Amino acid sequence: MIKYILKRLLQLIPLLLVISFIVFFLIHLAPYDAIDAIVTPNMSAETVELMKQRYGLDQPFLVQYVKWLTEIFKGNMGFSLLNQQSISAELATRIPNTMKLVIPAYITALILAMVLGLLAAANKNKWLDKIIDGLCSIGIATPTFWFAMILIYFLGYKLNLLPIIGMYTIGQDASFGDFFKHFFMPYLVLTVAFFPDLTRYIRTSALSQLNEDYVTVQQAFGATKKEIFMKHISRNVLIPVVTQIGQALPMLVTGAIITESIFGWPGVGPYMMTATKALDYPVIMAIMLLSATLVIVGNLLSDVLYRLVDPRIRQTGGGN
């Protein structure tokens, strides 16, 4: 397994270089550059030229790319044009905040989806299946921002039960109770946003297992539907679910942009949104590169988990 992981990591290096080039190239193609974001109309042409020299934007494209990539390898993602703060330091503060919100919500949605998806598959076309399908349809059709505003209105404004904005009340940064009060509403919004698609995915996976030979054999030996679902299908459904876990990894960097912004959660989402509005290209490039890297790492994680949960893949030496 270690040999396989090392081999896959070596294969990722050229892919990451290609992605970094694409990210830099796409930003370079944008109609505005970093200087346009910070100049003012009364600046002279000489001043603008000096600023381009300061940020290295007067250099050829490839020179700029190599310099940027070299700094990335050193762990330096550059500085925000908006506030001149270190992007690496800012992300090091914000990514843990995003993880505190996204991971619990995703795990809850996954557990909920496993239960509901298996129940729906075991009761295909019955009233329970239709109720679960209706809940998923409502969840998918409900805009995240609308549900967030409903919660804010009732729980935050009318009933005054929960704080509306932020991760802590000022002066209570060490209080878990205060953190939980701020955490609950964005957590609930994200859980409702995540679980419908996961539930339908697990239901479809479970139904596809019903046509497998091992189910027919279990039925021939007199196993009940409950035993087949609890002991066999639920275990085999885990195999396609690991793909979903790997694909969720980029959310740790991109965050839940809408939900974090609505609730003023100090994660990566609002940072990305502010940078986009202000044409803060160094920040945008850093987050795009991190997000793309996590997509690749997520695929690697999916392959490794596949090999762990499915002995057939280990025996054949396959990756997918």
C-alpha atoms as a PDB file:
ATOM      1  CA  MET A   1       0.000   0.000   0.000  1.00  0.00           C
ATOM      2  CA  ILE A   2       2.827   2.444   0.895  1.00  0.00           C
ATOM      3  CA  LYS A   3       4.526   1.693  -2.441  1.00  0.00           C
ATOM      4  CA  TYR A   4       1.252   2.377  -4.244  1.00  0.00           C
ATOM      5  CA  ILE A   5       0.732   5.711  -2.425  1.00  0.00           C
ATOM      6  CA  LEU A   6       4.314   6.844  -3.149  1.00  0.00           C
ATOM      7  CA  LYS A   7       3.886   5.920  -6.831  1.00  0.00           C
ATOM      8  CA  ARG A   8       0.667   7.917  -7.052  1.00  0.00           C
ATOM      9  CA  LEU A   9       2.261  10.904  -5.280  1.00  0.00           C
ATOM     10  CA  LEU A  10       5.094  10.937  -7.840  1.00  0.00           C
ATOM     11  CA  GLN A  11       2.511  10.891 -10.631  1.00  0.00           C
ATOM     12  CA  LEU A  12       0.841  13.950  -9.095  1.00  0.00           C
ATOM     13  CA  ILE A  13       3.900  16.213  -9.459  1.00  0.00           C
ATOM     14  CA  PRO A  14       3.639  16.878 -13.231  1.00  0.00           C
ATOM     15  CA  LEU A  15      -0.123  17.205 -12.925  1.00  0.00           C
ATOM     16  CA  LEU A  16       0.212  19.839 -10.205  1.00  0.00           C
ATOM     17  CA  LEU A  17       2.700  21.779 -12.350  1.00  0.00           C
ATOM     18  CA  VAL A  18       0.245  21.775 -15.249  1.00  0.00           C
ATOM     19  CA  ILE A  19      -2.558  22.966 -12.973  1.00  0.00           C
ATOM     20  CA  SER A  20      -0.424  25.758 -11.538  1.00  0.00           C
ATOM     21  CA  PHE A  21       0.385  26.914 -15.087  1.00  0.00           C
ATOM     22  CA  ILE A  22      -3.290  26.857 -16.093  1.00  0.00           C
ATOM     23  CA  VAL A  23      -4.290  28.846 -12.989  1.00  0.00           C
ATOM     24  CA  PHE A  24      -1.628  31.483 -13.635  1.00  0.00           C
ATOM     25  CA  PHE A  25      -2.425  31.596 -17.359  1.00  0.00           C
ATOM     26  CA  LEU A  26      -6.171  32.059 -16.787  1.00  0.00           C
ATOM     27  CA  ILE A  27      -5.582  34.924 -14.368  1.00  0.00           C
ATOM     28  CA  HIS A  28      -3.141  36.440 -16.875  1.00  0.00           C
ATOM     29  CA  LEU A  29      -5.898  36.360 -19.516  1.00  0.00           C
ATOM     30  CA  ALA A  30      -8.292  38.325 -17.304  1.00  0.00           C
ATOM     31  CA  PRO A  31      -9.250  41.759 -18.687  1.00  0.00           C
ATOM     32  CA  TYR A  32      -7.868  43.482 -15.581  1.00  0.00           C
ATOM     33  CA  ASP A  33      -4.568  42.925 -13.844  1.00  0.00           C
ATOM     34  CA  ALA A  34      -3.464  43.414 -10.266  1.00  0.00           C
ATOM     35  CA  ILE A  35      -2.422  47.004 -10.930  1.00  0.00           C
ATOM     36  CA  ASP A  36      -5.922  47.928 -12.135  1.00  0.00           C
ATOM     37  CA  ALA A  37      -7.189  46.895  -8.715  1.00  0.00           C
ATOM     38  CA  ILE A  38      -5.016  49.356  -6.791  1.00  0.00           C
ATOM     39  CA  VAL A  39      -4.477  52.378  -9.069  1.00  0.00           C
ATOM     40  CA  THR A  40      -6.583  55.498  -8.749  1.00  0.00           C
ATOM     41  CA  PRO A  41      -7.621  57.795 -11.606  1.00  0.00           C
ATOM     42  CA  ASN A  42      -5.314  60.611 -10.457  1.00  0.00           C
ATOM     43  CA  MET A  43      -2.153  58.471 -10.563  1.00  0.00           C
ATOM     44  CA  SER A  44       0.338  59.408 -13.260  1.00  0.00           C
ATOM     45  CA  ALA A  45       1.564  56.946 -15.886  1.00  0.00           C
ATOM     46  CA  GLU A  46       5.001  56.988 -14.247  1.00  0.00           C
ATOM     47  CA  THR A  47       3.527  55.983 -10.896  1.00  0.00           C
ATOM     48  CA  VAL A  48       1.575  53.144 -12.500  1.00  0.00           C
ATOM     49  CA  GLU A  49       4.752  51.959 -14.251  1.00  0.00           C
ATOM     50  CA  LEU A  50       6.672  52.026 -10.967  1.00  0.00           C
ATOM     51  CA  MET A  51       3.960  49.923  -9.343  1.00  0.00           C
ATOM     52  CA  LYS A  52       4.159  47.383 -12.169  1.00  0.00           C
ATOM     53  CA  GLN A  53       7.911  47.144 -11.620  1.00  0.00           C
ATOM     54  CA  ARG A  54       7.385  46.746  -7.865  1.00  0.00           C
ATOM     55  CA  TYR A  55       5.072  43.766  -8.357  1.00  0.00           C
ATOM     56  CA  GLY A  56       7.075  42.342 -11.276  1.00  0.00           C
ATOM     57  CA  LEU A  57       4.202  42.791 -13.731  1.00  0.00           C
ATOM     58  CA  ASP A  58       6.489  44.421 -16.305  1.00  0.00           C
ATOM     59  CA  GLN A  59       8.304  41.076 -16.708  1.00  0.00           C
ATOM     60  CA  PRO A  60       7.475  38.531 -19.468  1.00  0.00           C
ATOM     61  CA  PHE A  61       4.718  36.044 -18.687  1.00  0.00           C
ATOM     62  CA  LEU A  62       6.994  33.029 -18.157  1.00  0.00           C
ATOM     63  CA  VAL A  63       9.304  34.995 -15.864  1.00  0.00           C
ATOM     64  CA  GLN A  64       6.323  36.027 -13.740  1.00  0.00           C
ATOM     65  CA  TYR A  65       5.085  32.421 -13.632  1.00  0.00           C
ATOM     66  CA  VAL A  66       8.457  30.986 -12.569  1.00  0.00           C
ATOM     67  CA  LYS A  67       8.845  33.621  -9.839  1.00  0.00           C
ATOM     68  CA  TRP A  68       5.323  32.963  -8.563  1.00  0.00           C
ATOM     69  CA  LEU A  69       5.833  29.190  -8.580  1.00  0.00           C
ATOM     70  CA  THR A  70       9.200  29.505  -6.821  1.00  0.00           C
ATOM     71  CA  GLU A  71       7.599  31.504  -4.023  1.00  0.00           C
ATOM     72  CA  ILE A  72       4.779  28.924  -3.766  1.00  0.00           C
ATOM     73  CA  PHE A  73       7.368  26.166  -3.253  1.00  0.00           C
ATOM     74  CA  LYS A  74       8.853  28.260  -0.444  1.00  0.00           C
ATOM     75  CA  GLY A  75       5.427  28.446   1.205  1.00  0.00           C
ATOM     76  CA  ASN A  76       4.949  32.091   0.294  1.00  0.00           C
ATOM     77  CA  MET A  77       1.695  32.707  -1.557  1.00  0.00           C
ATOM     78  CA  GLY A  78       2.314  36.413  -1.786  1.00  0.00           C
ATOM     79  CA  PHE A  79       0.491  39.361  -0.270  1.00  0.00           C
ATOM     80  CA  SER A  80      -3.032  40.608  -0.664  1.00  0.00           C
ATOM     81  CA  LEU A  81      -3.308  43.733  -2.770  1.00  0.00           C
ATOM     82  CA  LEU A  82      -6.250  44.815  -0.664  1.00  0.00           C
ATOM     83  CA  ASN A  83      -4.634  44.938   2.782  1.00  0.00           C
ATOM     84  CA  GLN A  84      -0.992  43.892   2.134  1.00  0.00           C
ATOM     85  CA  GLN A  85      -1.401  40.954   4.549  1.00  0.00           C
ATOM     86  CA  SER A  86       0.339  37.627   3.960  1.00  0.00           C
ATOM     87  CA  ILE A  87      -1.993  35.240   2.097  1.00  0.00           C
ATOM     88  CA  SER A  88      -0.362  32.174   3.678  1.00  0.00           C
ATOM     89  CA  ALA A  89      -0.921  33.545   7.182  1.00  0.00           C
ATOM     90  CA  GLU A  90      -4.495  34.532   6.363  1.00  0.00           C
ATOM     91  CA  LEU A  91      -5.323  31.071   4.972  1.00  0.00           C
ATOM     92  CA  ALA A  92      -3.631  29.383   7.934  1.00  0.00           C
ATOM     93  CA  THR A  93      -6.111  31.210  10.163  1.00  0.00           C
ATOM     94  CA  ARG A  94      -9.195  30.797   7.985  1.00  0.00           C
ATOM     95  CA  ILE A  95      -8.910  27.173   6.791  1.00  0.00           C
ATOM     96  CA  PRO A  96      -9.251  25.751  10.356  1.00  0.00           C
ATOM     97  CA  ASN A  97     -12.343  27.925  10.839  1.00  0.00           C
ATOM     98  CA  THR A  98     -13.837  26.519   7.635  1.00  0.00           C
ATOM     99  CA  MET A  99     -12.965  22.971   8.711  1.00  0.00           C
ATOM    100  CA  LYS A 100     -14.719  23.499  12.054  1.00  0.00           C
ATOM    101  CA  LEU A 101     -17.909  24.242  10.143  1.00  0.00           C
ATOM    102  CA  VAL A 102     -17.762  22.082   7.002  1.00  0.00           C
ATOM    103  CA  ILE A 103     -16.487  18.769   8.442  1.00  0.00           C
ATOM    104  CA  PRO A 104     -19.188  18.315  11.143  1.00  0.00           C
ATOM    105  CA  ALA A 105     -21.907  19.343   8.669  1.00  0.00           C
ATOM    106  CA  TYR A 106     -20.639  16.938   5.998  1.00  0.00           C
ATOM    107  CA  ILE A 107     -20.259  14.013   8.436  1.00  0.00           C
ATOM    108  CA  THR A 108     -23.774  14.601   9.770  1.00  0.00           C
ATOM    109  CA  ALA A 109     -25.171  14.774   6.229  1.00  0.00           C
ATOM    110  CA  LEU A 110     -23.315  11.577   5.299  1.00  0.00           C
ATOM    111  CA  ILE A 111     -24.655   9.634   8.297  1.00  0.00           C
ATOM    112  CA  LEU A 112     -28.159  10.972   7.649  1.00  0.00           C
ATOM    113  CA  ALA A 113     -27.868  10.072   3.976  1.00  0.00           C
ATOM    114  CA  MET A 114     -26.715   6.517   4.766  1.00  0.00           C
ATOM    115  CA  VAL A 115     -29.735   5.909   6.992  1.00  0.00           C
ATOM    116  CA  LEU A 116     -32.296   7.563   4.713  1.00  0.00           C
ATOM    117  CA  GLY A 117     -30.797   6.181   1.495  1.00  0.00           C
ATOM    118  CA  LEU A 118     -30.858   2.582   2.758  1.00  0.00           C
ATOM    119  CA  LEU A 119     -34.365   3.003   4.164  1.00  0.00           C
ATOM    120  CA  ALA A 120     -35.567   4.402   0.831  1.00  0.00           C
ATOM    121  CA  ALA A 121     -33.958   1.543  -1.120  1.00  0.00           C
ATOM    122  CA  ALA A 122     -35.358  -1.100   1.232  1.00  0.00           C
ATOM    123  CA  ASN A 123     -38.848   0.378   0.786  1.00  0.00           C
ATOM    124  CA  LYS A 124     -38.677   1.169  -2.921  1.00  0.00           C
ATOM    125  CA  ASN A 125     -41.858   2.812  -4.256  1.00  0.00           C
ATOM    126  CA  LYS A 126     -43.540   2.580  -0.837  1.00  0.00           C
ATOM    127  CA  TRP A 127     -44.731   5.525   1.236  1.00  0.00           C
ATOM    128  CA  LEU A 128     -41.431   5.804   3.176  1.00  0.00           C
ATOM    129  CA  ASP A 129     -39.450   5.934  -0.061  1.00  0.00           C
ATOM    130  CA  LYS A 130     -41.746   8.661  -1.400  1.00  0.00           C
ATOM    131  CA  ILE A 131     -41.469  10.708   1.803  1.00  0.00           C
ATOM    132  CA  ILE A 132     -37.650  10.536   1.735  1.00  0.00           C
ATOM    133  CA  ASP A 133     -37.630  11.386  -1.969  1.00  0.00           C
ATOM    134  CA  GLY A 134     -39.921  14.353  -1.248  1.00  0.00           C
ATOM    135  CA  LEU A 135     -37.569  15.580   1.507  1.00  0.00           C
ATOM    136  CA  CYS A 136     -34.629  15.324  -0.900  1.00  0.00           C
ATOM    137  CA  SER A 137     -36.551  17.238  -3.577  1.00  0.00           C
ATOM    138  CA  ILE A 138     -37.390  20.007  -1.101  1.00  0.00           C
ATOM    139  CA  GLY A 139     -33.765  20.119   0.091  1.00  0.00           C
ATOM    140  CA  ILE A 140     -32.406  20.376  -3.460  1.00  0.00           C
ATOM    141  CA  ALA A 141     -34.979  23.003  -4.483  1.00  0.00           C
ATOM    142  CA  THR A 142     -34.398  25.171  -1.404  1.00  0.00           C
ATOM    143  CA  PRO A 143     -31.797  27.895  -2.047  1.00  0.00           C
ATOM    144  CA  THR A 144     -29.126  27.927   0.640  1.00  0.00           C
ATOM    145  CA  PHE A 145     -29.314  31.684   1.170  1.00  0.00           C
ATOM    146  CA  TRP A 146     -33.134  31.549   1.524  1.00  0.00           C
ATOM    147  CA  PHE A 147     -33.019  28.828   4.185  1.00  0.00           C
ATOM    148  CA  ALA A 148     -30.261  30.743   5.979  1.00  0.00           C
ATOM    149  CA  MET A 149     -32.372  33.923   5.990  1.00  0.00           C
ATOM    150  CA  ILE A 150     -35.391  32.002   7.346  1.00  0.00           C
ATOM    151  CA  LEU A 151     -33.298  30.672  10.238  1.00  0.00           C
ATOM    152  CA  ILE A 152     -31.836  34.095  10.937  1.00  0.00           C
ATOM    153  CA  TYR A 153     -35.308  35.660  10.979  1.00  0.00           C
ATOM    154  CA  PHE A 154     -36.918  33.134  13.338  1.00  0.00           C
ATOM    155  CA  LEU A 155     -34.048  31.869  15.543  1.00  0.00           C
ATOM    156  CA  GLY A 156     -31.951  34.999  15.535  1.00  0.00           C
ATOM    157  CA  TYR A 157     -34.417  37.894  15.238  1.00  0.00           C
ATOM    158  CA  LYS A 158     -37.945  36.857  16.326  1.00  0.00           C
ATOM    159  CA  LEU A 159     -37.044  34.369  19.092  1.00  0.00           C
ATOM    160  CA  ASN A 160     -33.588  35.841  19.843  1.00  0.00           C
ATOM    161  CA  LEU A 161     -32.239  32.359  20.629  1.00  0.00           C
ATOM    162  CA  LEU A 162     -29.010  32.381  18.613  1.00  0.00           C
ATOM    163  CA  PRO A 163     -26.474  35.006  17.491  1.00  0.00           C
ATOM    164  CA  ILE A 164     -26.632  35.889  13.817  1.00  0.00           C
ATOM    165  CA  ILE A 165     -23.057  36.772  12.854  1.00  0.00           C
ATOM    166  CA  GLY A 166     -19.535  35.599  13.609  1.00  0.00           C
ATOM    167  CA  MET A 167     -17.915  32.620  15.313  1.00  0.00           C
ATOM    168  CA  TYR A 168     -17.616  34.089  18.828  1.00  0.00           C
ATOM    169  CA  THR A 169     -19.052  36.953  20.809  1.00  0.00           C
ATOM    170  CA  ILE A 170     -16.354  39.535  21.495  1.00  0.00           C
ATOM    171  CA  GLY A 171     -14.574  38.666  24.739  1.00  0.00           C
ATOM    172  CA  GLN A 172     -15.806  35.025  24.797  1.00  0.00           C
ATOM    173  CA  ASP A 173     -13.311  33.442  22.406  1.00  0.00           C
ATOM    174  CA  ALA A 174     -12.630  30.493  24.743  1.00  0.00           C
ATOM    175  CA  SER A 175     -16.275  29.655  25.426  1.00  0.00           C
ATOM    176  CA  PHE A 176     -17.501  26.445  23.774  1.00  0.00           C
ATOM    177  CA  GLY A 177     -21.108  27.328  24.588  1.00  0.00           C
ATOM    178  CA  ASP A 178     -20.764  30.652  22.798  1.00  0.00           C
ATOM    179  CA  PHE A 179     -19.072  28.930  19.829  1.00  0.00           C
ATOM    180  CA  PHE A 180     -21.912  26.384  19.584  1.00  0.00           C
ATOM    181  CA  LYS A 181     -24.545  29.134  19.551  1.00  0.00           C
ATOM    182  CA  HIS A 182     -22.793  30.785  16.587  1.00  0.00           C
ATOM    183  CA  PHE A 183     -22.106  27.406  14.970  1.00  0.00           C
ATOM    184  CA  PHE A 184     -25.607  25.909  15.009  1.00  0.00           C
ATOM    185  CA  MET A 185     -27.371  27.871  12.251  1.00  0.00           C
ATOM    186  CA  PRO A 186     -24.638  27.679   9.546  1.00  0.00           C
ATOM    187  CA  TYR A 187     -24.111  24.003  10.485  1.00  0.00           C
ATOM    188  CA  LEU A 188     -27.818  23.281   9.984  1.00  0.00           C
ATOM    189  CA  VAL A 189     -27.874  25.140   6.658  1.00  0.00           C
ATOM    190  CA  LEU A 190     -24.890  23.176   5.332  1.00  0.00           C
ATOM    191  CA  THR A 191     -26.254  19.835   6.546  1.00  0.00           C
ATOM    192  CA  VAL A 192     -29.534  20.476   4.736  1.00  0.00           C
ATOM    193  CA  ALA A 193     -27.567  21.538   1.648  1.00  0.00           C
ATOM    194  CA  PHE A 194     -25.377  18.395   1.638  1.00  0.00           C
ATOM    195  CA  PHE A 195     -27.718  15.524   2.525  1.00  0.00           C
ATOM    196  CA  PRO A 196     -30.252  15.410  -0.396  1.00  0.00           C
ATOM    197  CA  ASP A 197     -27.728  14.582  -3.135  1.00  0.00           C
ATOM    198  CA  LEU A 198     -25.907  12.123  -0.885  1.00  0.00           C
ATOM    199  CA  THR A 199     -29.178  10.385   0.039  1.00  0.00           C
ATOM    200  CA  ARG A 200     -30.190   9.893  -3.586  1.00  0.00           C
ATOM    201  CA  TYR A 201     -26.694   8.699  -4.456  1.00  0.00           C
ATOM    202  CA  ILE A 202     -26.768   6.070  -1.685  1.00  0.00           C
ATOM    203  CA  ARG A 203     -30.326   5.002  -2.565  1.00  0.00           C
ATOM    204  CA  THR A 204     -29.289   4.450  -6.203  1.00  0.00           C
ATOM    205  CA  SER A 205     -26.156   2.551  -5.130  1.00  0.00           C
ATOM    206  CA  ALA A 206     -28.177   0.342  -2.767  1.00  0.00           C
ATOM    207  CA  LEU A 207     -30.779  -0.424  -5.451  1.00  0.00           C
ATOM    208  CA  SER A 208     -28.043  -1.433  -7.890  1.00  0.00           C
ATOM    209  CA  GLN A 209     -26.786  -3.933  -5.286  1.00  0.00           C
ATOM    210  CA  LEU A 210     -30.191  -5.681  -5.245  1.00  0.00           C
ATOM    211  CA  ASN A 211     -29.451  -7.113  -8.694  1.00  0.00           C
ATOM    212  CA  GLU A 212     -26.151  -8.672  -7.591  1.00  0.00           C
ATOM    213  CA  ASP A 213     -25.776 -12.441  -7.341  1.00  0.00           C
ATOM    214  CA  TYR A 214     -24.892 -12.413  -3.645  1.00  0.00           C
ATOM    215  CA  VAL A 215     -28.321 -10.935  -2.833  1.00  0.00           C
ATOM    216  CA  THR A 216     -30.031 -13.760  -4.743  1.00  0.00           C
ATOM    217  CA  VAL A 217     -27.905 -16.296  -2.863  1.00  0.00           C
ATOM    218  CA  GLN A 218     -28.796 -14.737   0.500  1.00  0.00           C
ATOM    219  CA  GLN A 219     -32.486 -14.771  -0.420  1.00  0.00           C
ATOM    220  CA  ALA A 220     -32.182 -18.450  -1.408  1.00  0.00           C
ATOM    221  CA  PHE A 221     -30.751 -19.205   2.041  1.00  0.00           C
ATOM    222  CA  GLY A 222     -33.747 -17.524   3.626  1.00  0.00           C
ATOM    223  CA  ALA A 223     -32.155 -14.256   4.747  1.00  0.00           C
ATOM    224  CA  THR A 224     -34.653 -11.489   5.466  1.00  0.00           C
ATOM    225  CA  LYS A 225     -34.550  -8.157   3.672  1.00  0.00           C
ATOM    226  CA  LYS A 226     -33.396  -6.469   6.895  1.00  0.00           C
ATOM    227  CA  GLU A 227     -30.475  -8.891   7.250  1.00  0.00           C
ATOM    228  CA  ILE A 228     -29.465  -8.455   3.600  1.00  0.00           C
ATOM    229  CA  PHE A 229     -29.470  -4.657   3.897  1.00  0.00           C
ATOM    230  CA  MET A 230     -27.818  -4.470   7.322  1.00  0.00           C
ATOM    231  CA  LYS A 231     -25.086  -7.082   6.801  1.00  0.00           C
ATOM    232  CA  HIS A 232     -24.295  -6.975   3.091  1.00  0.00           C
ATOM    233  CA  ILE A 233     -25.719  -4.071   1.065  1.00  0.00           C
ATOM    234  CA  SER A 234     -24.839  -1.382   3.633  1.00  0.00           C
ATOM    235  CA  ARG A 235     -21.215  -2.592   3.580  1.00  0.00           C
ATOM    236  CA  ASN A 236     -20.980  -2.655  -0.222  1.00  0.00           C
ATOM    237  CA  VAL A 237     -22.597   0.776  -0.510  1.00  0.00           C
ATOM    238  CA  LEU A 238     -19.601   2.177   1.381  1.00  0.00           C
ATOM    239  CA  ILE A 239     -17.384   1.544  -1.671  1.00  0.00           C
ATOM    240  CA  PRO A 240     -18.963   4.186  -3.963  1.00  0.00           C
ATOM    241  CA  VAL A 241     -19.467   6.509  -0.968  1.00  0.00           C
ATOM    242  CA  VAL A 242     -15.686   6.858  -0.500  1.00  0.00           C
ATOM    243  CA  THR A 243     -15.605   8.637  -3.860  1.00  0.00           C
ATOM    244  CA  GLN A 244     -17.939  11.263  -2.466  1.00  0.00           C
ATOM    245  CA  ILE A 245     -15.692  11.742   0.579  1.00  0.00           C
ATOM    246  CA  GLY A 246     -12.660  12.379  -1.630  1.00  0.00           C
ATOM    247  CA  GLN A 247     -14.556  14.835  -3.796  1.00  0.00           C
ATOM    248  CA  ALA A 248     -15.625  16.774  -0.699  1.00  0.00           C
ATOM    249  CA  LEU A 249     -12.022  17.594   0.209  1.00  0.00           C
ATOM    250  CA  PRO A 250     -11.804  20.829  -1.881  1.00  0.00           C
ATOM    251  CA  MET A 251     -14.567  22.293   0.280  1.00  0.00           C
ATOM    252  CA  LEU A 252     -12.016  22.646   3.064  1.00  0.00           C
ATOM    253  CA  VAL A 253     -10.378  25.433   1.040  1.00  0.00           C
ATOM    254  CA  THR A 254     -13.181  26.897  -1.028  1.00  0.00           C
ATOM    255  CA  GLY A 255     -15.435  26.690   2.008  1.00  0.00           C
ATOM    256  CA  ALA A 256     -19.136  27.227   1.848  1.00  0.00           C
ATOM    257  CA  ILE A 257     -18.920  30.669   0.277  1.00  0.00           C
ATOM    258  CA  ILE A 258     -22.595  31.645   0.524  1.00  0.00           C
ATOM    259  CA  THR A 259     -23.255  30.229   3.992  1.00  0.00           C
ATOM    260  CA  GLU A 260     -20.033  31.585   5.507  1.00  0.00           C
ATOM    261  CA  SER A 261     -20.673  35.007   3.991  1.00  0.00           C
ATOM    262  CA  ILE A 262     -24.284  35.218   5.205  1.00  0.00           C
ATOM    263  CA  PHE A 263     -23.360  34.290   8.780  1.00  0.00           C
ATOM    264  CA  GLY A 264     -20.107  36.261   8.830  1.00  0.00           C
ATOM    265  CA  TRP A 265     -18.187  33.067   9.570  1.00  0.00           C
ATOM    266  CA  PRO A 266     -14.452  33.927   9.388  1.00  0.00           C
ATOM    267  CA  GLY A 267     -13.562  31.118   6.975  1.00  0.00           C
ATOM    268  CA  VAL A 268     -12.155  30.956   3.461  1.00  0.00           C
ATOM    269  CA  GLY A 269     -15.493  31.655   1.752  1.00  0.00           C
ATOM    270  CA  PRO A 270     -15.803  35.362   2.690  1.00  0.00           C
ATOM    271  CA  TYR A 271     -12.061  35.817   2.034  1.00  0.00           C
ATOM    272  CA  MET A 272     -12.521  34.470  -1.506  1.00  0.00           C
ATOM    273  CA  MET A 273     -15.630  36.586  -2.091  1.00  0.00           C
ATOM    274  CA  THR A 274     -13.932  39.797  -0.909  1.00  0.00           C
ATOM    275  CA  ALA A 275     -10.887  39.070  -3.071  1.00  0.00           C
ATOM    276  CA  THR A 276     -13.062  38.488  -6.134  1.00  0.00           C
ATOM    277  CA  LYS A 277     -14.944  41.771  -5.650  1.00  0.00           C
ATOM    278  CA  ALA A 278     -11.686  43.695  -5.182  1.00  0.00           C
ATOM    279  CA  LEU A 279      -9.822  41.962  -8.069  1.00  0.00           C
ATOM    280  CA  ASP A 280      -7.289  40.772  -5.521  1.00  0.00           C
ATOM    281  CA  TYR A 281      -5.582  38.391  -7.963  1.00  0.00           C
ATOM    282  CA  PRO A 282      -2.859  36.968  -5.679  1.00  0.00           C
ATOM    283  CA  VAL A 283      -5.538  35.762  -3.254  1.00  0.00           C
ATOM    284  CA  ILE A 284      -7.708  34.360  -6.061  1.00  0.00           C
ATOM    285  CA  MET A 285      -4.753  32.487  -7.570  1.00  0.00           C
ATOM    286  CA  ALA A 286      -3.714  31.037  -4.205  1.00  0.00           C
ATOM    287  CA  ILE A 287      -7.216  29.726  -3.423  1.00  0.00           C
ATOM    288  CA  MET A 288      -7.712  28.361  -6.958  1.00  0.00           C
ATOM    289  CA  LEU A 289      -4.388  26.536  -6.778  1.00  0.00           C
ATOM    290  CA  LEU A 290      -5.141  25.095  -3.346  1.00  0.00           C
ATOM    291  CA  SER A 291      -8.616  24.037  -4.432  1.00  0.00           C
ATOM    292  CA  ALA A 292      -7.332  22.329  -7.597  1.00  0.00           C
ATOM    293  CA  THR A 293      -4.611  20.604  -5.595  1.00  0.00           C
ATOM    294  CA  LEU A 294      -7.170  19.276  -3.138  1.00  0.00           C
ATOM    295  CA  VAL A 295      -9.280  17.930  -6.015  1.00  0.00           C
ATOM    296  CA  ILE A 296      -6.281  15.826  -7.073  1.00  0.00           C
ATOM    297  CA  VAL A 297      -5.470  14.815  -3.509  1.00  0.00           C
ATOM    298  CA  GLY A 298      -9.158  13.947  -3.035  1.00  0.00           C
ATOM    299  CA  ASN A 299      -9.019  11.593  -6.018  1.00  0.00           C
ATOM    300  CA  LEU A 300      -5.892  10.000  -4.568  1.00  0.00           C
ATOM    301  CA  LEU A 301      -7.657   9.613  -1.222  1.00  0.00           C
ATOM    302  CA  SER A 302     -10.621   7.980  -2.989  1.00  0.00           C
ATOM    303  CA  ASP A 303      -8.324   5.466  -4.702  1.00  0.00           C
ATOM    304  CA  VAL A 304      -6.570   4.616  -1.428  1.00  0.00           C
ATOM    305  CA  LEU A 305      -9.874   4.178   0.390  1.00  0.00           C
ATOM    306  CA  TYR A 306     -11.136   1.998  -2.482  1.00  0.00           C
ATOM    307  CA  ARG A 307      -8.198  -0.305  -2.018  1.00  0.00           C
ATOM    308  CA  LEU A 308      -8.800  -0.436   1.732  1.00  0.00           C
ATOM    309  CA  VAL A 309     -12.515  -1.279   1.556  1.00  0.00           C
ATOM    310  CA  ASP A 310     -12.525  -3.520  -1.545  1.00  0.00           C
ATOM    311  CA  PRO A 311     -10.132  -6.521  -1.404  1.00  0.00           C
ATOM    312  CA  ARG A 312     -10.738  -7.252  -5.124  1.00  0.00           C
ATOM    313  CA  ILE A 313      -8.915  -4.031  -6.123  1.00  0.00           C
ATOM    314  CA  ARG A 314      -5.926  -4.901  -3.926  1.00  0.00           C
ATOM    315  CA  GLN A 315      -5.705  -8.322  -5.545  1.00  0.00           C
ATOM    316  CA  THR A 316      -5.847  -6.988  -9.119  1.00  0.00           C
ATOM    317  CA  GLY A 317      -3.601  -4.004  -8.332  1.00  0.00           C
ATOM    318  CA  GLY A 318      -6.098  -1.591  -9.904  1.00  0.00           C
ATOM    319  CA  GLY A 319      -6.445   2.008  -8.810  1.00  0.00           C
ATOM    320  CA  ASN A 320     -10.091   2.691  -9.615  1.00  0.00           C
END
